[in-house]
Amino acid sequence: MSSGRSGIEHLTPWLGIVAAAFGWGLAHQIGSNSVFDDCTSRGAGFVVVVGLLCLALVVAGGLFSLDVWRRDESEGRRFIGLVGAMLAALAAFAIVLQSASALILPSCAA
């Protein structure tokens, strides 16, 4: 019944989904809490740096999932890998737009 995979190899297809959710959520929460809720706390540069770090996390997870999709794996693992890669692409796009909004919109617009 054992497939010969290590513990981390069983989770590889899911890394894109988990990294996308965590990276997008982290970028959104840090950005909204530090700049848009409390105007004097941080500047736009901080949001951009956090966005880039979260973007790196999302891209790394997406690449792991994409690698599983490209390999000769079972259909279920390949499907989860493809879903993870596509969700990572969507989250990366959202992070880029949220980081760009910190540069475009004034932090205390209200």
PDB file of N, CA and C in Angstrom:
ATOM      1  N   MET A   1       0.815  -1.191   0.000  1.00  0.00           N
ATOM      2  CA  MET A   1       0.000   0.000   0.000  1.00  0.00           C
ATOM      3  C   MET A   1       0.859   1.255   0.000  1.00  0.00           C
ATOM      4  N   SER A   2       2.093   1.130   0.417  1.00  0.00           N
ATOM      5  CA  SER A   2       2.989   2.284   0.461  1.00  0.00           C
ATOM      6  C   SER A   2       3.465   2.631  -0.940  1.00  0.00           C
ATOM      7  N   SER A   3       3.470   3.907  -1.248  1.00  0.00           N
ATOM      8  CA  SER A   3       3.874   4.342  -2.587  1.00  0.00           C
ATOM      9  C   SER A   3       5.353   4.661  -2.671  1.00  0.00           C
ATOM     10  N   GLY A   4       6.067   4.606  -1.562  1.00  0.00           N
ATOM     11  CA  GLY A   4       7.491   4.889  -1.585  1.00  0.00           C
ATOM     12  C   GLY A   4       7.820   6.367  -1.560  1.00  0.00           C
ATOM     13  N   ARG A   5       6.842   7.212  -1.319  1.00  0.00           N
ATOM     14  CA  ARG A   5       7.074   8.659  -1.267  1.00  0.00           C
ATOM     15  C   ARG A   5       7.328   9.086   0.166  1.00  0.00           C
ATOM     16  N   SER A   6       8.149  10.114   0.298  1.00  0.00           N
ATOM     17  CA  SER A   6       8.355  10.679   1.631  1.00  0.00           C
ATOM     18  C   SER A   6       7.152  11.553   1.993  1.00  0.00           C
ATOM     19  N   GLY A   7       7.126  12.021   3.230  1.00  0.00           N
ATOM     20  CA  GLY A   7       5.998  12.822   3.695  1.00  0.00           C
ATOM     21  C   GLY A   7       5.802  14.094   2.905  1.00  0.00           C
ATOM     22  N   ILE A   8       6.898  14.768   2.566  1.00  0.00           N
ATOM     23  CA  ILE A   8       6.776  16.034   1.835  1.00  0.00           C
ATOM     24  C   ILE A   8       6.332  15.803   0.391  1.00  0.00           C
ATOM     25  N   GLU A   9       6.684  14.656  -0.180  1.00  0.00           N
ATOM     26  CA  GLU A   9       6.281  14.382  -1.558  1.00  0.00           C
ATOM     27  C   GLU A   9       4.775  14.185  -1.681  1.00  0.00           C
ATOM     28  N   HIS A  10       4.134  13.723  -0.618  1.00  0.00           N
ATOM     29  CA  HIS A  10       2.677  13.580  -0.650  1.00  0.00           C
ATOM     30  C   HIS A  10       1.993  14.942  -0.679  1.00  0.00           C
ATOM     31  N   LEU A  11       2.637  15.954  -0.133  1.00  0.00           N
ATOM     32  CA  LEU A  11       2.040  17.292  -0.055  1.00  0.00           C
ATOM     33  C   LEU A  11       2.394  18.185  -1.240  1.00  0.00           C
ATOM     34  N   THR A  12       3.301  17.757  -2.090  1.00  0.00           N
ATOM     35  CA  THR A  12       3.789  18.614  -3.170  1.00  0.00           C
ATOM     36  C   THR A  12       2.682  19.160  -4.069  1.00  0.00           C
ATOM     37  N   PRO A  13       1.690  18.381  -4.499  1.00  0.00           N
ATOM     38  CA  PRO A  13       0.658  18.970  -5.360  1.00  0.00           C
ATOM     39  C   PRO A  13      -0.151  20.063  -4.665  1.00  0.00           C
ATOM     40  N   TRP A  14      -0.240  19.989  -3.352  1.00  0.00           N
ATOM     41  CA  TRP A  14      -1.051  20.932  -2.588  1.00  0.00           C
ATOM     42  C   TRP A  14      -0.307  22.225  -2.268  1.00  0.00           C
ATOM     43  N   LEU A  15       0.987  22.279  -2.525  1.00  0.00           N
ATOM     44  CA  LEU A  15       1.762  23.467  -2.163  1.00  0.00           C
ATOM     45  C   LEU A  15       1.291  24.719  -2.893  1.00  0.00           C
ATOM     46  N   GLY A  16       0.869  24.581  -4.139  1.00  0.00           N
ATOM     47  CA  GLY A  16       0.368  25.745  -4.872  1.00  0.00           C
ATOM     48  C   GLY A  16      -0.881  26.322  -4.241  1.00  0.00           C
ATOM     49  N   ILE A  17      -1.790  25.457  -3.809  1.00  0.00           N
ATOM     50  CA  ILE A  17      -3.033  25.916  -3.183  1.00  0.00           C
ATOM     51  C   ILE A  17      -2.744  26.563  -1.834  1.00  0.00           C
ATOM     52  N   VAL A  18      -1.942  25.892  -1.023  1.00  0.00           N
ATOM     53  CA  VAL A  18      -1.643  26.399   0.319  1.00  0.00           C
ATOM     54  C   VAL A  18      -0.833  27.691   0.243  1.00  0.00           C
ATOM     55  N   ALA A  19       0.195  27.718  -0.604  1.00  0.00           N
ATOM     56  CA  ALA A  19       1.029  28.918  -0.721  1.00  0.00           C
ATOM     57  C   ALA A  19       0.236  30.084  -1.295  1.00  0.00           C
ATOM     58  N   ALA A  20      -0.654  29.812  -2.248  1.00  0.00           N
ATOM     59  CA  ALA A  20      -1.470  30.884  -2.826  1.00  0.00           C
ATOM     60  C   ALA A  20      -2.396  31.485  -1.779  1.00  0.00           C
ATOM     61  N   ALA A  21      -3.057  30.634  -1.028  1.00  0.00           N
ATOM     62  CA  ALA A  21      -3.978  31.138  -0.003  1.00  0.00           C
ATOM     63  C   ALA A  21      -3.228  31.896   1.091  1.00  0.00           C
ATOM     64  N   PHE A  22      -2.130  31.330   1.554  1.00  0.00           N
ATOM     65  CA  PHE A  22      -1.371  31.966   2.627  1.00  0.00           C
ATOM     66  C   PHE A  22      -0.719  33.265   2.152  1.00  0.00           C
ATOM     67  N   GLY A  23      -0.099  33.250   0.975  1.00  0.00           N
ATOM     68  CA  GLY A  23       0.568  34.441   0.459  1.00  0.00           C
ATOM     69  C   GLY A  23      -0.392  35.572   0.166  1.00  0.00           C
ATOM     70  N   TRP A  24      -1.498  35.259  -0.470  1.00  0.00           N
ATOM     71  CA  TRP A  24      -2.492  36.277  -0.798  1.00  0.00           C
ATOM     72  C   TRP A  24      -3.119  36.838   0.476  1.00  0.00           C
ATOM     73  N   GLY A  25      -3.481  35.967   1.390  1.00  0.00           N
ATOM     74  CA  GLY A  25      -4.075  36.426   2.645  1.00  0.00           C
ATOM     75  C   GLY A  25      -3.122  37.272   3.469  1.00  0.00           C
ATOM     76  N   LEU A  26      -1.869  36.852   3.526  1.00  0.00           N
ATOM     77  CA  LEU A  26      -0.869  37.600   4.284  1.00  0.00           C
ATOM     78  C   LEU A  26      -0.621  38.975   3.670  1.00  0.00           C
ATOM     79  N   ALA A  27      -0.478  39.028   2.348  1.00  0.00           N
ATOM     80  CA  ALA A  27      -0.261  40.314   1.680  1.00  0.00           C
ATOM     81  C   ALA A  27      -1.452  41.245   1.895  1.00  0.00           C
ATOM     82  N   HIS A  28      -2.642  40.701   1.817  1.00  0.00           N
ATOM     83  CA  HIS A  28      -3.837  41.526   1.998  1.00  0.00           C
ATOM     84  C   HIS A  28      -3.946  42.038   3.429  1.00  0.00           C
ATOM     85  N   GLN A  29      -3.770  41.164   4.398  1.00  0.00           N
ATOM     86  CA  GLN A  29      -3.930  41.575   5.790  1.00  0.00           C
ATOM     87  C   GLN A  29      -2.858  42.564   6.232  1.00  0.00           C
ATOM     88  N   ILE A  30      -1.620  42.295   5.891  1.00  0.00           N
ATOM     89  CA  ILE A  30      -0.548  43.219   6.278  1.00  0.00           C
ATOM     90  C   ILE A  30      -0.737  44.558   5.581  1.00  0.00           C
ATOM     91  N   GLY A  31      -1.096  44.518   4.301  1.00  0.00           N
ATOM     92  CA  GLY A  31      -1.309  45.766   3.571  1.00  0.00           C
ATOM     93  C   GLY A  31      -2.455  46.582   4.122  1.00  0.00           C
ATOM     94  N   SER A  32      -3.571  45.933   4.377  1.00  0.00           N
ATOM     95  CA  SER A  32      -4.731  46.692   4.854  1.00  0.00           C
ATOM     96  C   SER A  32      -4.566  47.140   6.296  1.00  0.00           C
ATOM     97  N   ASN A  33      -3.939  46.332   7.122  1.00  0.00           N
ATOM     98  CA  ASN A  33      -3.766  46.716   8.524  1.00  0.00           C
ATOM     99  C   ASN A  33      -2.697  47.784   8.705  1.00  0.00           C
ATOM    100  N   SER A  34      -1.647  47.754   7.901  1.00  0.00           N
ATOM    101  CA  SER A  34      -0.543  48.684   8.131  1.00  0.00           C
ATOM    102  C   SER A  34      -0.734  50.035   7.457  1.00  0.00           C
ATOM    103  N   VAL A  35      -1.365  50.078   6.308  1.00  0.00           N
ATOM    104  CA  VAL A  35      -1.470  51.341   5.579  1.00  0.00           C
ATOM    105  C   VAL A  35      -2.895  51.873   5.552  1.00  0.00           C
ATOM    106  N   PHE A  36      -3.812  51.059   5.160  1.00  0.00           N
ATOM    107  CA  PHE A  36      -5.145  51.560   4.871  1.00  0.00           C
ATOM    108  C   PHE A  36      -6.003  51.723   6.120  1.00  0.00           C
ATOM    109  N   ASP A  37      -5.731  50.975   7.189  1.00  0.00           N
ATOM    110  CA  ASP A  37      -6.497  51.144   8.428  1.00  0.00           C
ATOM    111  C   ASP A  37      -5.860  52.161   9.363  1.00  0.00           C
ATOM    112  N   ASP A  38      -4.538  52.191   9.404  1.00  0.00           N
ATOM    113  CA  ASP A  38      -3.817  53.116  10.282  1.00  0.00           C
ATOM    114  C   ASP A  38      -2.841  53.898   9.413  1.00  0.00           C
ATOM    115  N   CYS A  39      -3.213  55.100   9.031  1.00  0.00           N
ATOM    116  CA  CYS A  39      -2.462  55.875   8.039  1.00  0.00           C
ATOM    117  C   CYS A  39      -1.033  56.202   8.466  1.00  0.00           C
ATOM    118  N   THR A  40      -0.788  56.333   9.742  1.00  0.00           N
ATOM    119  CA  THR A  40       0.536  56.761  10.191  1.00  0.00           C
ATOM    120  C   THR A  40       1.479  55.596  10.454  1.00  0.00           C
ATOM    121  N   SER A  41       1.009  54.374  10.334  1.00  0.00           N
ATOM    122  CA  SER A  41       1.809  53.212  10.714  1.00  0.00           C
ATOM    123  C   SER A  41       2.950  52.929   9.735  1.00  0.00           C
ATOM    124  N   ARG A  42       2.644  52.702   8.484  1.00  0.00           N
ATOM    125  CA  ARG A  42       3.646  52.325   7.479  1.00  0.00           C
ATOM    126  C   ARG A  42       3.391  53.083   6.185  1.00  0.00           C
ATOM    127  N   GLY A  43       4.360  53.016   5.297  1.00  0.00           N
ATOM    128  CA  GLY A  43       4.224  53.666   4.008  1.00  0.00           C
ATOM    129  C   GLY A  43       3.957  52.667   2.903  1.00  0.00           C
ATOM    130  N   ALA A  44       3.856  53.186   1.691  1.00  0.00           N
ATOM    131  CA  ALA A  44       3.576  52.342   0.535  1.00  0.00           C
ATOM    132  C   ALA A  44       4.733  51.402   0.230  1.00  0.00           C
ATOM    133  N   GLY A  45       5.952  51.825   0.512  1.00  0.00           N
ATOM    134  CA  GLY A  45       7.110  50.964   0.272  1.00  0.00           C
ATOM    135  C   GLY A  45       7.053  49.679   1.075  1.00  0.00           C
ATOM    136  N   PHE A  46       6.555  49.765   2.290  1.00  0.00           N
ATOM    137  CA  PHE A  46       6.408  48.582   3.132  1.00  0.00           C
ATOM    138  C   PHE A  46       5.437  47.584   2.506  1.00  0.00           C
ATOM    139  N   VAL A  47       4.327  48.085   1.978  1.00  0.00           N
ATOM    140  CA  VAL A  47       3.335  47.215   1.347  1.00  0.00           C
ATOM    141  C   VAL A  47       3.917  46.554   0.103  1.00  0.00           C
ATOM    142  N   VAL A  48       4.714  47.284  -0.657  1.00  0.00           N
ATOM    143  CA  VAL A  48       5.325  46.724  -1.859  1.00  0.00           C
ATOM    144  C   VAL A  48       6.325  45.632  -1.487  1.00  0.00           C
ATOM    145  N   VAL A  49       7.129  45.852  -0.456  1.00  0.00           N
ATOM    146  CA  VAL A  49       8.102  44.838  -0.028  1.00  0.00           C
ATOM    147  C   VAL A  49       7.385  43.584   0.461  1.00  0.00           C
ATOM    148  N   VAL A  50       6.346  43.754   1.261  1.00  0.00           N
ATOM    149  CA  VAL A  50       5.565  42.604   1.729  1.00  0.00           C
ATOM    150  C   VAL A  50       4.921  41.895   0.539  1.00  0.00           C
ATOM    151  N   GLY A  51       4.423  42.663  -0.416  1.00  0.00           N
ATOM    152  CA  GLY A  51       3.833  42.074  -1.613  1.00  0.00           C
ATOM    153  C   GLY A  51       4.831  41.258  -2.405  1.00  0.00           C
ATOM    154  N   LEU A  52       6.058  41.751  -2.525  1.00  0.00           N
ATOM    155  CA  LEU A  52       7.088  41.001  -3.248  1.00  0.00           C
ATOM    156  C   LEU A  52       7.464  39.717  -2.521  1.00  0.00           C
ATOM    157  N   LEU A  53       7.558  39.773  -1.204  1.00  0.00           N
ATOM    158  CA  LEU A  53       7.868  38.564  -0.435  1.00  0.00           C
ATOM    159  C   LEU A  53       6.747  37.528  -0.559  1.00  0.00           C
ATOM    160  N   CYS A  54       5.522  37.988  -0.463  1.00  0.00           N
ATOM    161  CA  CYS A  54       4.386  37.077  -0.605  1.00  0.00           C
ATOM    162  C   CYS A  54       4.272  36.557  -2.037  1.00  0.00           C
ATOM    163  N   LEU A  55       4.614  37.391  -2.996  1.00  0.00           N
ATOM    164  CA  LEU A  55       4.615  36.959  -4.390  1.00  0.00           C
ATOM    165  C   LEU A  55       5.639  35.850  -4.608  1.00  0.00           C
ATOM    166  N   ALA A  56       6.810  35.970  -3.987  1.00  0.00           N
ATOM    167  CA  ALA A  56       7.827  34.920  -4.097  1.00  0.00           C
ATOM    168  C   ALA A  56       7.316  33.609  -3.502  1.00  0.00           C
ATOM    169  N   LEU A  57       6.609  33.689  -2.383  1.00  0.00           N
ATOM    170  CA  LEU A  57       6.033  32.496  -1.758  1.00  0.00           C
ATOM    171  C   LEU A  57       5.004  31.840  -2.675  1.00  0.00           C
ATOM    172  N   VAL A  58       4.142  32.640  -3.263  1.00  0.00           N
ATOM    173  CA  VAL A  58       3.096  32.124  -4.145  1.00  0.00           C
ATOM    174  C   VAL A  58       3.699  31.500  -5.402  1.00  0.00           C
ATOM    175  N   VAL A  59       4.685  32.154  -5.987  1.00  0.00           N
ATOM    176  CA  VAL A  59       5.320  31.626  -7.195  1.00  0.00           C
ATOM    177  C   VAL A  59       6.031  30.308  -6.897  1.00  0.00           C
ATOM    178  N   ALA A  60       6.708  30.224  -5.762  1.00  0.00           N
ATOM    179  CA  ALA A  60       7.393  28.979  -5.400  1.00  0.00           C
ATOM    180  C   ALA A  60       6.392  27.835  -5.243  1.00  0.00           C
ATOM    181  N   GLY A  61       5.293  28.077  -4.556  1.00  0.00           N
ATOM    182  CA  GLY A  61       4.269  27.045  -4.414  1.00  0.00           C
ATOM    183  C   GLY A  61       3.665  26.654  -5.748  1.00  0.00           C
ATOM    184  N   GLY A  62       3.439  27.639  -6.603  1.00  0.00           N
ATOM    185  CA  GLY A  62       2.903  27.355  -7.929  1.00  0.00           C
ATOM    186  C   GLY A  62       3.853  26.539  -8.782  1.00  0.00           C
ATOM    187  N   LEU A  63       5.147  26.790  -8.654  1.00  0.00           N
ATOM    188  CA  LEU A  63       6.128  26.014  -9.418  1.00  0.00           C
ATOM    189  C   LEU A  63       6.195  24.568  -8.939  1.00  0.00           C
ATOM    190  N   PHE A  64       6.068  24.354  -7.637  1.00  0.00           N
ATOM    191  CA  PHE A  64       6.018  22.981  -7.128  1.00  0.00           C
ATOM    192  C   PHE A  64       4.803  22.247  -7.688  1.00  0.00           C
ATOM    193  N   SER A  65       3.654  22.908  -7.684  1.00  0.00           N
ATOM    194  CA  SER A  65       2.440  22.282  -8.212  1.00  0.00           C
ATOM    195  C   SER A  65       2.542  22.055  -9.710  1.00  0.00           C
ATOM    196  N   LEU A  66       3.113  22.994 -10.418  1.00  0.00           N
ATOM    197  CA  LEU A  66       3.281  22.847 -11.860  1.00  0.00           C
ATOM    198  C   LEU A  66       4.209  21.685 -12.190  1.00  0.00           C
ATOM    199  N   ASP A  67       5.220  21.495 -11.367  1.00  0.00           N
ATOM    200  CA  ASP A  67       6.140  20.374 -11.572  1.00  0.00           C
ATOM    201  C   ASP A  67       5.418  19.040 -11.413  1.00  0.00           C
ATOM    202  N   VAL A  68       4.523  18.951 -10.448  1.00  0.00           N
ATOM    203  CA  VAL A  68       3.742  17.718 -10.270  1.00  0.00           C
ATOM    204  C   VAL A  68       2.841  17.492 -11.479  1.00  0.00           C
ATOM    205  N   TRP A  69       2.245  18.542 -11.993  1.00  0.00           N
ATOM    206  CA  TRP A  69       1.360  18.412 -13.148  1.00  0.00           C
ATOM    207  C   TRP A  69       2.120  17.924 -14.383  1.00  0.00           C
ATOM    208  N   ARG A  70       3.356  18.355 -14.538  1.00  0.00           N
ATOM    209  CA  ARG A  70       4.148  17.978 -15.709  1.00  0.00           C
ATOM    210  C   ARG A  70       4.704  16.557 -15.629  1.00  0.00           C
ATOM    211  N   ARG A  71       4.857  16.031 -14.421  1.00  0.00           N
ATOM    212  CA  ARG A  71       5.424  14.691 -14.258  1.00  0.00           C
ATOM    213  C   ARG A  71       4.394  13.610 -14.568  1.00  0.00           C
ATOM    214  N   ASP A  72       4.894  12.396 -14.704  1.00  0.00           N
ATOM    215  CA  ASP A  72       4.032  11.243 -14.934  1.00  0.00           C
ATOM    216  C   ASP A  72       3.522  10.748 -13.584  1.00  0.00           C
ATOM    217  N   GLU A  73       2.422  11.338 -13.136  1.00  0.00           N
ATOM    218  CA  GLU A  73       1.822  11.019 -11.835  1.00  0.00           C
ATOM    219  C   GLU A  73       0.418  10.470 -12.065  1.00  0.00           C
ATOM    220  N   SER A  74      -0.249  10.118 -10.977  1.00  0.00           N
ATOM    221  CA  SER A  74      -1.642   9.680 -11.087  1.00  0.00           C
ATOM    222  C   SER A  74      -2.510  10.879 -11.492  1.00  0.00           C
ATOM    223  N   GLU A  75      -3.686  10.563 -12.012  1.00  0.00           N
ATOM    224  CA  GLU A  75      -4.564  11.635 -12.493  1.00  0.00           C
ATOM    225  C   GLU A  75      -4.958  12.600 -11.383  1.00  0.00           C
ATOM    226  N   GLY A  76      -5.216  12.078 -10.198  1.00  0.00           N
ATOM    227  CA  GLY A  76      -5.613  12.934  -9.082  1.00  0.00           C
ATOM    228  C   GLY A  76      -4.516  13.898  -8.673  1.00  0.00           C
ATOM    229  N   ARG A  77      -3.289  13.405  -8.592  1.00  0.00           N
ATOM    230  CA  ARG A  77      -2.165  14.277  -8.223  1.00  0.00           C
ATOM    231  C   ARG A  77      -1.910  15.323  -9.306  1.00  0.00           C
ATOM    232  N   ARG A  78      -2.027  14.926 -10.557  1.00  0.00           N
ATOM    233  CA  ARG A  78      -1.824  15.887 -11.648  1.00  0.00           C
ATOM    234  C   ARG A  78      -2.913  16.955 -11.635  1.00  0.00           C
ATOM    235  N   PHE A  79      -4.157  16.566 -11.355  1.00  0.00           N
ATOM    236  CA  PHE A  79      -5.256  17.531 -11.303  1.00  0.00           C
ATOM    237  C   PHE A  79      -5.039  18.540 -10.178  1.00  0.00           C
ATOM    238  N   ILE A  80      -4.687  18.069  -8.991  1.00  0.00           N
ATOM    239  CA  ILE A  80      -4.435  18.980  -7.872  1.00  0.00           C
ATOM    240  C   ILE A  80      -3.238  19.871  -8.187  1.00  0.00           C
ATOM    241  N   GLY A  81      -2.229  19.327  -8.861  1.00  0.00           N
ATOM    242  CA  GLY A  81      -1.085  20.143  -9.266  1.00  0.00           C
ATOM    243  C   GLY A  81      -1.487  21.258 -10.217  1.00  0.00           C
ATOM    244  N   LEU A  82      -2.352  20.936 -11.174  1.00  0.00           N
ATOM    245  CA  LEU A  82      -2.818  21.951 -12.124  1.00  0.00           C
ATOM    246  C   LEU A  82      -3.672  23.007 -11.431  1.00  0.00           C
ATOM    247  N   VAL A  83      -4.564  22.579 -10.550  1.00  0.00           N
ATOM    248  CA  VAL A  83      -5.393  23.532  -9.805  1.00  0.00           C
ATOM    249  C   VAL A  83      -4.513  24.431  -8.941  1.00  0.00           C
ATOM    250  N   GLY A  84      -3.502  23.848  -8.295  1.00  0.00           N
ATOM    251  CA  GLY A  84      -2.582  24.636  -7.472  1.00  0.00           C
ATOM    252  C   GLY A  84      -1.811  25.659  -8.283  1.00  0.00           C
ATOM    253  N   ALA A  85      -1.358  25.260  -9.467  1.00  0.00           N
ATOM    254  CA  ALA A  85      -0.616  26.191 -10.320  1.00  0.00           C
ATOM    255  C   ALA A  85      -1.514  27.328 -10.805  1.00  0.00           C
ATOM    256  N   MET A  86      -2.752  27.007 -11.173  1.00  0.00           N
ATOM    257  CA  MET A  86      -3.663  28.051 -11.649  1.00  0.00           C
ATOM    258  C   MET A  86      -4.085  28.984 -10.520  1.00  0.00           C
ATOM    259  N   LEU A  87      -4.312  28.437  -9.332  1.00  0.00           N
ATOM    260  CA  LEU A  87      -4.662  29.286  -8.197  1.00  0.00           C
ATOM    261  C   LEU A  87      -3.484  30.177  -7.811  1.00  0.00           C
ATOM    262  N   ALA A  88      -2.274  29.655  -7.921  1.00  0.00           N
ATOM    263  CA  ALA A  88      -1.091  30.471  -7.634  1.00  0.00           C
ATOM    264  C   ALA A  88      -0.969  31.615  -8.638  1.00  0.00           C
ATOM    265  N   ALA A  89      -1.291  31.352  -9.902  1.00  0.00           N
ATOM    266  CA  ALA A  89      -1.255  32.423 -10.905  1.00  0.00           C
ATOM    267  C   ALA A  89      -2.294  33.503 -10.585  1.00  0.00           C
ATOM    268  N   LEU A  90      -3.481  33.089 -10.180  1.00  0.00           N
ATOM    269  CA  LEU A  90      -4.525  34.050  -9.807  1.00  0.00           C
ATOM    270  C   LEU A  90      -4.110  34.861  -8.585  1.00  0.00           C
ATOM    271  N   ALA A  91      -3.560  34.196  -7.582  1.00  0.00           N
ATOM    272  CA  ALA A  91      -3.126  34.898  -6.371  1.00  0.00           C
ATOM    273  C   ALA A  91      -1.970  35.845  -6.676  1.00  0.00           C
ATOM    274  N   ALA A  92      -1.062  35.436  -7.552  1.00  0.00           N
ATOM    275  CA  ALA A  92       0.053  36.312  -7.922  1.00  0.00           C
ATOM    276  C   ALA A  92      -0.463  37.578  -8.600  1.00  0.00           C
ATOM    277  N   PHE A  93      -1.447  37.429  -9.477  1.00  0.00           N
ATOM    278  CA  PHE A  93      -2.041  38.589 -10.139  1.00  0.00           C
ATOM    279  C   PHE A  93      -2.693  39.519  -9.117  1.00  0.00           C
ATOM    280  N   ALA A  94      -3.400  38.948  -8.160  1.00  0.00           N
ATOM    281  CA  ALA A  94      -4.049  39.759  -7.123  1.00  0.00           C
ATOM    282  C   ALA A  94      -3.021  40.486  -6.264  1.00  0.00           C
ATOM    283  N   ILE A  95      -1.933  39.819  -5.919  1.00  0.00           N
ATOM    284  CA  ILE A  95      -0.893  40.454  -5.104  1.00  0.00           C
ATOM    285  C   ILE A  95      -0.244  41.603  -5.861  1.00  0.00           C
ATOM    286  N   VAL A  96      -0.005  41.412  -7.147  1.00  0.00           N
ATOM    287  CA  VAL A  96       0.580  42.487  -7.959  1.00  0.00           C
ATOM    288  C   VAL A  96      -0.354  43.695  -7.987  1.00  0.00           C
ATOM    289  N   LEU A  97      -1.649  43.462  -8.179  1.00  0.00           N
ATOM    290  CA  LEU A  97      -2.598  44.577  -8.214  1.00  0.00           C
ATOM    291  C   LEU A  97      -2.707  45.266  -6.857  1.00  0.00           C
ATOM    292  N   GLN A  98      -2.709  44.496  -5.776  1.00  0.00           N
ATOM    293  CA  GLN A  98      -2.797  45.097  -4.447  1.00  0.00           C
ATOM    294  C   GLN A  98      -1.543  45.898  -4.122  1.00  0.00           C
ATOM    295  N   SER A  99      -0.387  45.394  -4.533  1.00  0.00           N
ATOM    296  CA  SER A  99       0.855  46.134  -4.285  1.00  0.00           C
ATOM    297  C   SER A  99       0.905  47.401  -5.123  1.00  0.00           C
ATOM    298  N   ALA A 100       0.420  47.317  -6.357  1.00  0.00           N
ATOM    299  CA  ALA A 100       0.387  48.504  -7.207  1.00  0.00           C
ATOM    300  C   ALA A 100      -0.582  49.546  -6.660  1.00  0.00           C
ATOM    301  N   SER A 101      -1.661  49.097  -6.050  1.00  0.00           N
ATOM    302  CA  SER A 101      -2.623  50.060  -5.504  1.00  0.00           C
ATOM    303  C   SER A 101      -2.023  50.863  -4.359  1.00  0.00           C
ATOM    304  N   ALA A 102      -1.068  50.287  -3.647  1.00  0.00           N
ATOM    305  CA  ALA A 102      -0.406  51.031  -2.575  1.00  0.00           C
ATOM    306  C   ALA A 102       0.409  52.191  -3.138  1.00  0.00           C
ATOM    307  N   LEU A 103       0.886  52.047  -4.369  1.00  0.00           N
ATOM    308  CA  LEU A 103       1.651  53.124  -5.004  1.00  0.00           C
ATOM    309  C   LEU A 103       0.746  54.156  -5.670  1.00  0.00           C
ATOM    310  N   ILE A 104      -0.436  53.729  -6.092  1.00  0.00           N
ATOM    311  CA  ILE A 104      -1.332  54.615  -6.836  1.00  0.00           C
ATOM    312  C   ILE A 104      -2.247  55.405  -5.909  1.00  0.00           C
ATOM    313  N   LEU A 105      -2.861  54.715  -4.951  1.00  0.00           N
ATOM    314  CA  LEU A 105      -3.832  55.356  -4.064  1.00  0.00           C
ATOM    315  C   LEU A 105      -3.136  55.960  -2.854  1.00  0.00           C
ATOM    316  N   PRO A 106      -3.579  57.122  -2.413  1.00  0.00           N
ATOM    317  CA  PRO A 106      -3.013  57.671  -1.177  1.00  0.00           C
ATOM    318  C   PRO A 106      -3.443  56.823   0.018  1.00  0.00           C
ATOM    319  N   SER A 107      -2.562  56.699   1.006  1.00  0.00           N
ATOM    320  CA  SER A 107      -2.845  55.809   2.136  1.00  0.00           C
ATOM    321  C   SER A 107      -3.987  56.312   3.005  1.00  0.00           C
ATOM    322  N   CYS A 108      -4.214  57.601   3.050  1.00  0.00           N
ATOM    323  CA  CYS A 108      -5.294  58.161   3.871  1.00  0.00           C
ATOM    324  C   CYS A 108      -6.341  58.808   2.975  1.00  0.00           C
ATOM    325  N   ALA A 109      -6.894  58.042   2.053  1.00  0.00           N
ATOM    326  CA  ALA A 109      -7.836  58.585   1.080  1.00  0.00           C
ATOM    327  C   ALA A 109      -9.163  58.982   1.708  1.00  0.00           C
ATOM    328  N   ALA A 110      -9.483  58.387   2.830  1.00  0.00           N
ATOM    329  CA  ALA A 110     -10.791  58.680   3.433  1.00  0.00           C
ATOM    330  C   ALA A 110     -10.763  59.993   4.053  1.00  0.00           C
TER     331      ALA A 110
END
